[in-house]
Amino acid sequence: MAIYKEFARLYLEIAKKDLELAIIAFNRGDYPEAVFHAQQCVEKSVKAMLEARMKYVYNHGPALIPLFEETFRNMWRSDYDVIVEALDYLRDFYTSTRYPKLVGDRVLAPWDIIDRDTASKSIDYARKVLDIATSYLREENII
């Protein structure tokens, strides 16, 4: 049990750093980088919550939604809907913020795809999910 709590605590600590990096990137106009770190913040916040429930998670992305829903089904709260929304919204940004993408007959760079509004919405989700995860870990006496 103690090892899961330590993973949960560390995931949350790293998620906070990702949010800080997202905000820094946003402020310098690097919107793909901002979205990438916001996505990472959400993912690590969710992993912190899952670790608190003794669920070790190696994979990421779309697999987190069903695992999160299954794990928290019996203790669902309305704010958990925000987590699912955030995971769903950010799931495709893991690669599109880092690599060129073929769209039609054009190859686009991440900065051609990710705009300020997308970055702002991503950071908003990251803040909300981090707050929810922080509250949950406090309730569980992990932090």
Foldseek 3Di string as FASTA:
>chain_A
DVVLLVLLVVLLVVLVVLLVQLVVCLVVFLLLSNLLSLLSSLFSLLQSVCSLLVDHDDDDAPVSLVVSCVSCVVPDDPLVVLSNVLSVLSRVSNVLSPDWDCDPNDTHHSVVPGHSVNSVVSSVSSVSSSVVSVVSCVVSVSD
